[in-house]
Amino acid sequence: MGVFPIAGNDYLTSEQVQLLLKPIHPQRVRKTQGMSHVEGYDIRAELNRVFGFCRWSEEILHQSLVCEYETKTHAGKDAWCVVYNTRVRLTIHAPDGGYLTFYDGSHVGESTHPSRGEAHGNAITNSATYALRRAAINLGDQFGLGLYNKGSLDPIVRWTLVGDTPADTDDIAEVGAEEQDVAQAETRAAEEPAQEKKLPSSPRPQRKAPAKAEAPVKTPDSLAKDILSAQTVEVLRQAWKSAGEAGHLKAEVVLEDTGEKIIVQDLLYRRHAELDPPKSAGNGTHHAKAGEDAAPEVAG
């Protein structure tokens, strides 16, 4: 079994490289609302298949609650919408066990559920799983990279100049506009809670709560001003709650200072990243040495 020495460590075996260059098997690809993706548990299974048990690791670098607010399900039931931001580091080891490289991935995941605890749990899992997926696509087509090419099952990497695998440098995949991430579509599909079974209960006299004065409904433009002026994450969460309750998360606004057009939800994500940046950043797309700065994150 041939290996390719790099920086004193064994790189990857010929068999590993050949597998990574193959197209993804169709049975590993799922479609949700017309968008193709690989399941999170299958990403972990493929990491074990390619690199072996105990030859890769996953570390959560940063995880924080973006916001939570009361809302309604599609069926009109009371529910909680919860949003978490997670940054994950995927570390890969060589066949000899030595450190090889690492990749970072981030995702903001949300969940809507009648149970507040379930909403938190689902949002945490959603954000962490998609962060791992985004880190893993740097390993190529076996981890779903080619699916971003309009859901194509054809390999997009095809060859590498490293090692003894033949490289046809004229064999270039035809690429189109990048397909949008399936995260939101999959989240919506998974968040339809099953019908709850209710046990019969004795009727109880209902006491009417005193009427509360309703707060004026915020407009998208006034919400944008609140978001831009927020100096703490807690204030930003209140703005997110107001936007969700008013149905303005998907509304487009024009920022007065720059004239930029942006969706309210995207502005919230941006400000949250500014007010609560990850504690650890960087990407190990190269062989980092002790004390060496990590390379910038690879877009994924």
C-alpha atoms as a PDB file:
ATOM      1  CA  MET A   1       0.000   0.000   0.000  1.00  0.00           C
ATOM      2  CA  GLY A   2       1.634   3.222  -1.143  1.00  0.00           C
ATOM      3  CA  VAL A   3       1.715   6.378   0.941  1.00  0.00           C
ATOM      4  CA  PHE A   4       2.739   9.927   0.155  1.00  0.00           C
ATOM      5  CA  PRO A   5       5.091  11.450   2.774  1.00  0.00           C
ATOM      6  CA  ILE A   6       4.412  15.107   3.625  1.00  0.00           C
ATOM      7  CA  ALA A   7       6.158  17.112   6.374  1.00  0.00           C
ATOM      8  CA  GLY A   8       7.317  13.959   8.157  1.00  0.00           C
ATOM      9  CA  ASN A   9       3.843  12.403   8.371  1.00  0.00           C
ATOM     10  CA  ASP A  10       2.263   9.845   6.097  1.00  0.00           C
ATOM     11  CA  TYR A  11      -0.273  11.647   3.928  1.00  0.00           C
ATOM     12  CA  LEU A  12      -3.067   9.457   2.540  1.00  0.00           C
ATOM     13  CA  THR A  13      -2.920   5.987   1.041  1.00  0.00           C
ATOM     14  CA  SER A  14      -3.525   5.467  -2.670  1.00  0.00           C
ATOM     15  CA  GLU A  15      -6.837   3.794  -1.833  1.00  0.00           C
ATOM     16  CA  GLN A  16      -7.977   6.775   0.232  1.00  0.00           C
ATOM     17  CA  VAL A  17      -7.165   9.256  -2.531  1.00  0.00           C
ATOM     18  CA  GLN A  18      -8.867   7.116  -5.189  1.00  0.00           C
ATOM     19  CA  LEU A  19     -12.026   6.876  -3.087  1.00  0.00           C
ATOM     20  CA  LEU A  20     -12.093  10.612  -2.400  1.00  0.00           C
ATOM     21  CA  LEU A  21     -11.897  11.267  -6.162  1.00  0.00           C
ATOM     22  CA  LYS A  22     -14.847   8.997  -7.004  1.00  0.00           C
ATOM     23  CA  PRO A  23     -18.393  10.331  -7.503  1.00  0.00           C
ATOM     24  CA  ILE A  24     -20.675  10.002  -4.492  1.00  0.00           C
ATOM     25  CA  HIS A  25     -22.941   6.940  -4.505  1.00  0.00           C
ATOM     26  CA  PRO A  26     -26.548   7.917  -5.365  1.00  0.00           C
ATOM     27  CA  GLN A  27     -27.878   5.935  -2.384  1.00  0.00           C
ATOM     28  CA  ARG A  28     -26.061   8.345  -0.048  1.00  0.00           C
ATOM     29  CA  VAL A  29     -27.851  11.420  -1.428  1.00  0.00           C
ATOM     30  CA  ARG A  30     -31.169  12.665  -0.091  1.00  0.00           C
ATOM     31  CA  LYS A  31     -33.449  15.352  -1.487  1.00  0.00           C
ATOM     32  CA  THR A  32     -35.470  17.769   0.619  1.00  0.00           C
ATOM     33  CA  GLN A  33     -37.777  20.215  -1.144  1.00  0.00           C
ATOM     34  CA  GLY A  34     -35.787  19.730  -4.365  1.00  0.00           C
ATOM     35  CA  MET A  35     -32.327  20.250  -2.819  1.00  0.00           C
ATOM     36  CA  SER A  36     -29.723  17.466  -2.531  1.00  0.00           C
ATOM     37  CA  HIS A  37     -27.695  16.781   0.600  1.00  0.00           C
ATOM     38  CA  VAL A  38     -25.917  14.094   2.635  1.00  0.00           C
ATOM     39  CA  GLU A  39     -27.279  13.215   6.069  1.00  0.00           C
ATOM     40  CA  GLY A  40     -25.178  14.207   9.075  1.00  0.00           C
ATOM     41  CA  TYR A  41     -24.895  10.641  10.374  1.00  0.00           C
ATOM     42  CA  ASP A  42     -23.705   9.500   6.927  1.00  0.00           C
ATOM     43  CA  ILE A  43     -20.970  12.176   6.982  1.00  0.00           C
ATOM     44  CA  ARG A  44     -19.707  10.608  10.217  1.00  0.00           C
ATOM     45  CA  ALA A  45     -19.974   7.105   8.739  1.00  0.00           C
ATOM     46  CA  GLU A  46     -17.971   8.161   5.667  1.00  0.00           C
ATOM     47  CA  LEU A  47     -15.289   9.753   7.863  1.00  0.00           C
ATOM     48  CA  ASN A  48     -14.922   6.368   9.574  1.00  0.00           C
ATOM     49  CA  ARG A  49     -14.879   4.535   6.243  1.00  0.00           C
ATOM     50  CA  VAL A  50     -12.241   6.763   4.651  1.00  0.00           C
ATOM     51  CA  PHE A  51      -9.976   7.635   7.582  1.00  0.00           C
ATOM     52  CA  GLY A  52     -10.729   4.875  10.094  1.00  0.00           C
ATOM     53  CA  PHE A  53     -11.960   4.849  13.643  1.00  0.00           C
ATOM     54  CA  CYS A  54     -10.051   7.191  15.972  1.00  0.00           C
ATOM     55  CA  ARG A  55      -8.431   8.916  12.961  1.00  0.00           C
ATOM     56  CA  TRP A  56     -10.698  11.976  12.925  1.00  0.00           C
ATOM     57  CA  SER A  57     -12.270  14.165  15.597  1.00  0.00           C
ATOM     58  CA  GLU A  58     -14.934  16.849  15.943  1.00  0.00           C
ATOM     59  CA  GLU A  59     -14.656  19.794  18.331  1.00  0.00           C
ATOM     60  CA  ILE A  60     -17.197  22.534  19.036  1.00  0.00           C
ATOM     61  CA  LEU A  61     -15.234  25.793  19.063  1.00  0.00           C
ATOM     62  CA  HIS A  62     -18.171  28.093  19.729  1.00  0.00           C
ATOM     63  CA  GLN A  63     -21.872  27.699  20.412  1.00  0.00           C
ATOM     64  CA  SER A  64     -24.276  30.407  21.509  1.00  0.00           C
ATOM     65  CA  LEU A  65     -27.979  31.143  21.672  1.00  0.00           C
ATOM     66  CA  VAL A  66     -28.845  33.762  19.061  1.00  0.00           C
ATOM     67  CA  CYS A  67     -32.460  34.230  20.137  1.00  0.00           C
ATOM     68  CA  GLU A  68     -35.701  32.578  21.218  1.00  0.00           C
ATOM     69  CA  TYR A  69     -39.256  33.848  20.955  1.00  0.00           C
ATOM     70  CA  GLU A  70     -42.830  32.614  21.138  1.00  0.00           C
ATOM     71  CA  THR A  71     -44.565  31.954  17.824  1.00  0.00           C
ATOM     72  CA  LYS A  72     -47.087  29.638  16.163  1.00  0.00           C
ATOM     73  CA  THR A  73     -46.660  26.358  14.274  1.00  0.00           C
ATOM     74  CA  HIS A  74     -48.109  25.953  10.787  1.00  0.00           C
ATOM     75  CA  ALA A  75     -51.066  24.271  12.502  1.00  0.00           C
ATOM     76  CA  GLY A  76     -51.627  27.386  14.621  1.00  0.00           C
ATOM     77  CA  LYS A  77     -50.381  25.921  17.910  1.00  0.00           C
ATOM     78  CA  ASP A  78     -48.344  27.886  20.428  1.00  0.00           C
ATOM     79  CA  ALA A  79     -44.639  27.169  19.924  1.00  0.00           C
ATOM     80  CA  TRP A  80     -41.094  28.395  20.530  1.00  0.00           C
ATOM     81  CA  CYS A  81     -38.654  29.409  17.810  1.00  0.00           C
ATOM     82  CA  VAL A  82     -35.022  28.997  18.925  1.00  0.00           C
ATOM     83  CA  VAL A  83     -31.857  29.895  16.998  1.00  0.00           C
ATOM     84  CA  TYR A  84     -28.277  28.770  17.785  1.00  0.00           C
ATOM     85  CA  ASN A  85     -24.925  29.579  16.173  1.00  0.00           C
ATOM     86  CA  THR A  86     -22.256  26.827  16.206  1.00  0.00           C
ATOM     87  CA  ARG A  87     -18.680  26.648  14.922  1.00  0.00           C
ATOM     88  CA  VAL A  88     -17.122  23.175  14.581  1.00  0.00           C
ATOM     89  CA  ARG A  89     -13.559  22.016  13.878  1.00  0.00           C
ATOM     90  CA  LEU A  90     -13.002  18.732  12.002  1.00  0.00           C
ATOM     91  CA  THR A  91      -9.494  17.307  12.489  1.00  0.00           C
ATOM     92  CA  ILE A  92      -8.079  14.592  10.213  1.00  0.00           C
ATOM     93  CA  HIS A  93      -5.219  12.240  11.105  1.00  0.00           C
ATOM     94  CA  ALA A  94      -2.903  10.334   8.770  1.00  0.00           C
ATOM     95  CA  PRO A  95      -2.847   6.508   8.620  1.00  0.00           C
ATOM     96  CA  ASP A  96       0.065   6.508  11.086  1.00  0.00           C
ATOM     97  CA  GLY A  97      -2.024   8.502  13.572  1.00  0.00           C
ATOM     98  CA  GLY A  98      -0.122  11.750  13.124  1.00  0.00           C
ATOM     99  CA  TYR A  99      -1.905  15.085  12.748  1.00  0.00           C
ATOM    100  CA  LEU A 100      -2.728  15.889   9.128  1.00  0.00           C
ATOM    101  CA  THR A 101      -5.071  18.900   8.886  1.00  0.00           C
ATOM    102  CA  PHE A 102      -8.258  20.507  10.166  1.00  0.00           C
ATOM    103  CA  TYR A 103     -11.229  22.367   8.704  1.00  0.00           C
ATOM    104  CA  ASP A 104     -13.684  24.727  10.410  1.00  0.00           C
ATOM    105  CA  GLY A 105     -17.367  25.118   9.570  1.00  0.00           C
ATOM    106  CA  SER A 106     -20.153  27.332  10.947  1.00  0.00           C
ATOM    107  CA  HIS A 107     -23.925  27.287  10.817  1.00  0.00           C
ATOM    108  CA  VAL A 108     -26.868  29.146  12.337  1.00  0.00           C
ATOM    109  CA  GLY A 109     -29.640  26.616  12.976  1.00  0.00           C
ATOM    110  CA  GLU A 110     -33.185  27.187  14.124  1.00  0.00           C
ATOM    111  CA  SER A 111     -36.092  25.079  15.315  1.00  0.00           C
ATOM    112  CA  THR A 112     -39.761  25.727  15.977  1.00  0.00           C
ATOM    113  CA  HIS A 113     -41.514  23.344  18.382  1.00  0.00           C
ATOM    114  CA  PRO A 114     -44.381  23.441  20.907  1.00  0.00           C
ATOM    115  CA  SER A 115     -41.925  22.258  23.571  1.00  0.00           C
ATOM    116  CA  ARG A 116     -39.375  24.898  24.570  1.00  0.00           C
ATOM    117  CA  GLY A 117     -36.822  22.239  25.509  1.00  0.00           C
ATOM    118  CA  GLU A 118     -37.272  20.350  22.226  1.00  0.00           C
ATOM    119  CA  ALA A 119     -36.872  23.596  20.293  1.00  0.00           C
ATOM    120  CA  HIS A 120     -33.541  24.256  22.040  1.00  0.00           C
ATOM    121  CA  GLY A 121     -32.340  20.671  21.541  1.00  0.00           C
ATOM    122  CA  ASN A 122     -33.269  20.581  17.866  1.00  0.00           C
ATOM    123  CA  ALA A 123     -31.674  23.967  17.154  1.00  0.00           C
ATOM    124  CA  ILE A 124     -28.415  22.942  18.865  1.00  0.00           C
ATOM    125  CA  THR A 125     -28.287  19.653  16.919  1.00  0.00           C
ATOM    126  CA  ASN A 126     -29.212  21.361  13.660  1.00  0.00           C
ATOM    127  CA  SER A 127     -26.500  24.010  13.935  1.00  0.00           C
ATOM    128  CA  ALA A 128     -23.783  21.535  15.027  1.00  0.00           C
ATOM    129  CA  THR A 129     -24.609  18.952  12.339  1.00  0.00           C
ATOM    130  CA  TYR A 130     -24.596  21.490   9.517  1.00  0.00           C
ATOM    131  CA  ALA A 131     -21.383  23.054  10.797  1.00  0.00           C
ATOM    132  CA  LEU A 132     -19.740  19.605  10.563  1.00  0.00           C
ATOM    133  CA  ARG A 133     -21.121  19.122   7.030  1.00  0.00           C
ATOM    134  CA  ARG A 134     -19.676  22.453   5.931  1.00  0.00           C
ATOM    135  CA  ALA A 135     -16.279  21.548   7.373  1.00  0.00           C
ATOM    136  CA  ALA A 136     -16.343  18.096   5.727  1.00  0.00           C
ATOM    137  CA  ILE A 137     -17.123  19.315   2.182  1.00  0.00           C
ATOM    138  CA  ASN A 138     -13.490  20.482   2.002  1.00  0.00           C
ATOM    139  CA  LEU A 139     -12.685  16.756   1.655  1.00  0.00           C
ATOM    140  CA  GLY A 140     -14.465  16.637  -1.700  1.00  0.00           C
ATOM    141  CA  ASP A 141     -17.210  14.741  -3.466  1.00  0.00           C
ATOM    142  CA  GLN A 142     -17.608  11.884  -0.975  1.00  0.00           C
ATOM    143  CA  PHE A 143     -18.758  14.503   1.521  1.00  0.00           C
ATOM    144  CA  GLY A 144     -21.214  16.311  -0.760  1.00  0.00           C
ATOM    145  CA  LEU A 145     -19.071  19.003  -2.404  1.00  0.00           C
ATOM    146  CA  GLY A 146     -20.353  18.219  -5.912  1.00  0.00           C
ATOM    147  CA  LEU A 147     -23.970  18.492  -4.756  1.00  0.00           C
ATOM    148  CA  TYR A 148     -23.537  22.259  -4.568  1.00  0.00           C
ATOM    149  CA  ASN A 149     -23.220  22.136  -8.376  1.00  0.00           C
ATOM    150  CA  LYS A 150     -27.011  22.092  -8.907  1.00  0.00           C
ATOM    151  CA  GLY A 151     -27.290  18.769  -7.065  1.00  0.00           C
ATOM    152  CA  SER A 152     -25.060  16.964  -9.589  1.00  0.00           C
ATOM    153  CA  LEU A 153     -23.807  13.464  -8.707  1.00  0.00           C
ATOM    154  CA  ASP A 154     -20.820  13.880 -11.027  1.00  0.00           C
ATOM    155  CA  PRO A 155     -17.486  14.432  -9.252  1.00  0.00           C
ATOM    156  CA  ILE A 156     -16.229  18.001  -9.258  1.00  0.00           C
ATOM    157  CA  VAL A 157     -12.685  17.432  -7.917  1.00  0.00           C
ATOM    158  CA  ARG A 158     -11.801  14.571 -10.337  1.00  0.00           C
ATOM    159  CA  TRP A 159      -8.013  14.632  -9.883  1.00  0.00           C
ATOM    160  CA  THR A 160      -5.164  15.913  -7.735  1.00  0.00           C
ATOM    161  CA  LEU A 161      -1.491  16.526  -8.537  1.00  0.00           C
ATOM    162  CA  VAL A 162      -0.457  15.087  -5.168  1.00  0.00           C
ATOM    163  CA  GLY A 163       0.477  11.382  -5.146  1.00  0.00           C
ATOM    164  CA  ASP A 164       0.629   8.835  -7.930  1.00  0.00           C
ATOM    165  CA  THR A 165      -3.009   9.021  -9.110  1.00  0.00           C
ATOM    166  CA  PRO A 166      -3.082   9.965 -12.828  1.00  0.00           C
ATOM    167  CA  ALA A 167      -4.154  13.593 -13.306  1.00  0.00           C
ATOM    168  CA  ASP A 168      -5.938  14.724 -16.476  1.00  0.00           C
ATOM    169  CA  THR A 169      -5.722  18.472 -15.984  1.00  0.00           C
ATOM    170  CA  ASP A 170      -8.106  19.058 -18.909  1.00  0.00           C
ATOM    171  CA  ASP A 171     -10.849  17.055 -17.165  1.00  0.00           C
ATOM    172  CA  ILE A 172     -12.749  19.951 -15.607  1.00  0.00           C
ATOM    173  CA  ALA A 173     -16.332  19.660 -14.391  1.00  0.00           C
ATOM    174  CA  GLU A 174     -18.896  22.005 -15.898  1.00  0.00           C
ATOM    175  CA  VAL A 175     -20.121  24.140 -13.030  1.00  0.00           C
ATOM    176  CA  GLY A 176     -23.159  26.349 -12.604  1.00  0.00           C
ATOM    177  CA  ALA A 177     -24.459  28.670  -9.922  1.00  0.00           C
ATOM    178  CA  GLU A 178     -23.986  27.257  -6.439  1.00  0.00           C
ATOM    179  CA  GLU A 179     -27.109  25.564  -5.114  1.00  0.00           C
ATOM    180  CA  GLN A 180     -28.409  27.127  -1.934  1.00  0.00           C
ATOM    181  CA  ASP A 181     -27.830  25.230   1.275  1.00  0.00           C
ATOM    182  CA  VAL A 182     -30.514  22.673   2.085  1.00  0.00           C
ATOM    183  CA  ALA A 183     -30.398  23.561   5.781  1.00  0.00           C
ATOM    184  CA  GLN A 184     -33.455  25.814   5.816  1.00  0.00           C
ATOM    185  CA  ALA A 185     -35.545  23.483   3.668  1.00  0.00           C
ATOM    186  CA  GLU A 186     -34.645  20.464   5.790  1.00  0.00           C
ATOM    187  CA  THR A 187     -35.320  22.380   8.989  1.00  0.00           C
ATOM    188  CA  ARG A 188     -38.789  23.386   7.818  1.00  0.00           C
ATOM    189  CA  ALA A 189     -39.590  19.800   6.810  1.00  0.00           C
ATOM    190  CA  ALA A 190     -38.413  18.416  10.158  1.00  0.00           C
ATOM    191  CA  GLU A 191     -40.214  20.968  12.278  1.00  0.00           C
ATOM    192  CA  GLU A 192     -43.766  19.862  11.558  1.00  0.00           C
ATOM    193  CA  PRO A 193     -44.534  18.269  14.939  1.00  0.00           C
ATOM    194  CA  ALA A 194     -46.648  15.132  15.048  1.00  0.00           C
ATOM    195  CA  GLN A 195     -50.222  15.489  16.196  1.00  0.00           C
ATOM    196  CA  GLU A 196     -50.242  15.360  19.969  1.00  0.00           C
ATOM    197  CA  LYS A 197     -52.453  12.790  21.645  1.00  0.00           C
ATOM    198  CA  LYS A 198     -54.591  14.432  24.288  1.00  0.00           C
ATOM    199  CA  LEU A 199     -56.096  12.546  27.201  1.00  0.00           C
ATOM    200  CA  PRO A 200     -59.664  13.442  28.131  1.00  0.00           C
ATOM    201  CA  SER A 201     -59.819  15.776  31.087  1.00  0.00           C
ATOM    202  CA  SER A 202     -62.502  17.287  33.222  1.00  0.00           C
ATOM    203  CA  PRO A 203     -63.511  20.769  32.146  1.00  0.00           C
ATOM    204  CA  ARG A 204     -62.230  23.519  34.378  1.00  0.00           C
ATOM    205  CA  PRO A 205     -63.667  26.986  34.742  1.00  0.00           C
ATOM    206  CA  GLN A 206     -61.515  29.411  32.800  1.00  0.00           C
ATOM    207  CA  ARG A 207     -60.522  32.700  34.334  1.00  0.00           C
ATOM    208  CA  LYS A 208     -60.058  35.541  31.952  1.00  0.00           C
ATOM    209  CA  ALA A 209     -56.771  37.343  32.312  1.00  0.00           C
ATOM    210  CA  PRO A 210     -56.949  41.119  32.448  1.00  0.00           C
ATOM    211  CA  ALA A 211     -56.458  42.679  29.037  1.00  0.00           C
ATOM    212  CA  LYS A 212     -52.956  43.966  28.373  1.00  0.00           C
ATOM    213  CA  ALA A 213     -52.196  47.090  26.462  1.00  0.00           C
ATOM    214  CA  GLU A 214     -50.777  46.066  23.100  1.00  0.00           C
ATOM    215  CA  ALA A 215     -47.368  47.452  22.182  1.00  0.00           C
ATOM    216  CA  PRO A 216     -47.198  49.256  18.842  1.00  0.00           C
ATOM    217  CA  VAL A 217     -46.148  46.933  16.009  1.00  0.00           C
ATOM    218  CA  LYS A 218     -42.653  47.638  14.708  1.00  0.00           C
ATOM    219  CA  THR A 219     -42.107  48.324  11.017  1.00  0.00           C
ATOM    220  CA  PRO A 220     -39.198  46.683   9.166  1.00  0.00           C
ATOM    221  CA  ASP A 221     -37.382  50.037   8.969  1.00  0.00           C
ATOM    222  CA  SER A 222     -37.750  50.738  12.697  1.00  0.00           C
ATOM    223  CA  LEU A 223     -36.565  47.191  13.452  1.00  0.00           C
ATOM    224  CA  ALA A 224     -33.482  47.756  11.288  1.00  0.00           C
ATOM    225  CA  LYS A 225     -32.652  50.866  13.320  1.00  0.00           C
ATOM    226  CA  ASP A 226     -33.034  48.893  16.566  1.00  0.00           C
ATOM    227  CA  ILE A 227     -30.786  46.120  15.218  1.00  0.00           C
ATOM    228  CA  LEU A 228     -28.057  48.514  14.098  1.00  0.00           C
ATOM    229  CA  SER A 229     -28.120  50.415  17.396  1.00  0.00           C
ATOM    230  CA  ALA A 230     -28.072  47.281  19.588  1.00  0.00           C
ATOM    231  CA  GLN A 231     -24.960  47.138  21.769  1.00  0.00           C
ATOM    232  CA  THR A 232     -25.611  43.785  23.478  1.00  0.00           C
ATOM    233  CA  VAL A 233     -26.745  40.327  22.376  1.00  0.00           C
ATOM    234  CA  GLU A 234     -29.701  40.535  24.779  1.00  0.00           C
ATOM    235  CA  VAL A 235     -30.996  43.700  23.084  1.00  0.00           C
ATOM    236  CA  LEU A 236     -30.522  41.977  19.718  1.00  0.00           C
ATOM    237  CA  ARG A 237     -32.580  38.990  20.926  1.00  0.00           C
ATOM    238  CA  GLN A 238     -35.434  41.345  21.806  1.00  0.00           C
ATOM    239  CA  ALA A 239     -35.260  42.815  18.291  1.00  0.00           C
ATOM    240  CA  TRP A 240     -35.321  39.287  16.850  1.00  0.00           C
ATOM    241  CA  LYS A 241     -38.388  38.447  18.968  1.00  0.00           C
ATOM    242  CA  SER A 242     -40.156  41.604  17.792  1.00  0.00           C
ATOM    243  CA  ALA A 243     -39.341  40.843  14.140  1.00  0.00           C
ATOM    244  CA  GLY A 244     -40.592  37.273  14.465  1.00  0.00           C
ATOM    245  CA  GLU A 245     -43.837  38.268  16.177  1.00  0.00           C
ATOM    246  CA  ALA A 246     -44.495  40.983  13.577  1.00  0.00           C
ATOM    247  CA  GLY A 247     -43.703  38.651  10.672  1.00  0.00           C
ATOM    248  CA  HIS A 248     -40.868  40.879   9.410  1.00  0.00           C
ATOM    249  CA  LEU A 249     -37.904  38.426   9.489  1.00  0.00           C
ATOM    250  CA  LYS A 250     -38.047  37.992   5.692  1.00  0.00           C
ATOM    251  CA  ALA A 251     -38.771  41.668   4.960  1.00  0.00           C
ATOM    252  CA  GLU A 252     -36.255  43.663   2.928  1.00  0.00           C
ATOM    253  CA  VAL A 253     -34.993  47.003   4.235  1.00  0.00           C
ATOM    254  CA  VAL A 254     -32.660  49.690   2.908  1.00  0.00           C
ATOM    255  CA  LEU A 255     -29.928  50.819   5.316  1.00  0.00           C
ATOM    256  CA  GLU A 256     -29.903  54.608   5.562  1.00  0.00           C
ATOM    257  CA  ASP A 257     -26.127  55.056   5.895  1.00  0.00           C
ATOM    258  CA  THR A 258     -25.045  52.825   2.991  1.00  0.00           C
ATOM    259  CA  GLY A 259     -28.149  52.326   0.850  1.00  0.00           C
ATOM    260  CA  GLU A 260     -27.590  48.552   1.091  1.00  0.00           C
ATOM    261  CA  LYS A 261     -30.643  46.313   0.611  1.00  0.00           C
ATOM    262  CA  ILE A 262     -30.765  43.434   3.104  1.00  0.00           C
ATOM    263  CA  ILE A 263     -33.253  40.997   4.642  1.00  0.00           C
ATOM    264  CA  VAL A 264     -34.038  41.698   8.317  1.00  0.00           C
ATOM    265  CA  GLN A 265     -33.026  38.156   9.343  1.00  0.00           C
ATOM    266  CA  ASP A 266     -29.684  38.477   7.521  1.00  0.00           C
ATOM    267  CA  LEU A 267     -29.066  41.786   9.281  1.00  0.00           C
ATOM    268  CA  LEU A 268     -29.739  40.084  12.619  1.00  0.00           C
ATOM    269  CA  TYR A 269     -27.235  37.328  11.766  1.00  0.00           C
ATOM    270  CA  ARG A 270     -24.634  39.948  10.809  1.00  0.00           C
ATOM    271  CA  ARG A 271     -25.058  41.990  13.979  1.00  0.00           C
ATOM    272  CA  HIS A 272     -24.998  38.856  16.137  1.00  0.00           C
ATOM    273  CA  ALA A 273     -21.664  37.847  14.593  1.00  0.00           C
ATOM    274  CA  GLU A 274     -20.352  41.353  15.377  1.00  0.00           C
ATOM    275  CA  LEU A 275     -21.589  41.391  18.970  1.00  0.00           C
ATOM    276  CA  ASP A 276     -20.764  37.753  19.806  1.00  0.00           C
ATOM    277  CA  PRO A 277     -17.832  36.650  17.598  1.00  0.00           C
ATOM    278  CA  PRO A 278     -16.478  33.069  17.888  1.00  0.00           C
ATOM    279  CA  LYS A 279     -13.805  32.709  20.556  1.00  0.00           C
ATOM    280  CA  SER A 280     -11.605  30.706  18.176  1.00  0.00           C
ATOM    281  CA  ALA A 281     -11.189  31.258  14.442  1.00  0.00           C
ATOM    282  CA  GLY A 282      -9.012  29.961  11.665  1.00  0.00           C
ATOM    283  CA  ASN A 283      -8.807  26.955   9.374  1.00  0.00           C
ATOM    284  CA  GLY A 284      -6.230  24.255   9.053  1.00  0.00           C
ATOM    285  CA  THR A 285      -6.228  23.742   5.335  1.00  0.00           C
ATOM    286  CA  HIS A 286      -2.447  23.445   5.574  1.00  0.00           C
ATOM    287  CA  HIS A 287      -0.108  21.556   7.905  1.00  0.00           C
ATOM    288  CA  ALA A 288       0.051  23.881  10.869  1.00  0.00           C
ATOM    289  CA  LYS A 289       3.126  23.776  13.053  1.00  0.00           C
ATOM    290  CA  ALA A 290       3.327  24.659  16.718  1.00  0.00           C
ATOM    291  CA  GLY A 291       2.971  28.408  17.089  1.00  0.00           C
ATOM    292  CA  GLU A 292       2.082  28.947  13.431  1.00  0.00           C
ATOM    293  CA  ASP A 293      -0.966  31.024  12.556  1.00  0.00           C
ATOM    294  CA  ALA A 294      -3.802  29.092  10.937  1.00  0.00           C
ATOM    295  CA  ALA A 295      -4.862  29.922   7.395  1.00  0.00           C
ATOM    296  CA  PRO A 296      -8.130  31.803   6.755  1.00  0.00           C
ATOM    297  CA  GLU A 297     -11.306  29.747   6.680  1.00  0.00           C
ATOM    298  CA  VAL A 298     -12.134  28.040   3.406  1.00  0.00           C
ATOM    299  CA  ALA A 299     -15.561  29.118   2.218  1.00  0.00           C
ATOM    300  CA  GLY A 300     -18.070  26.312   2.600  1.00  0.00           C
END
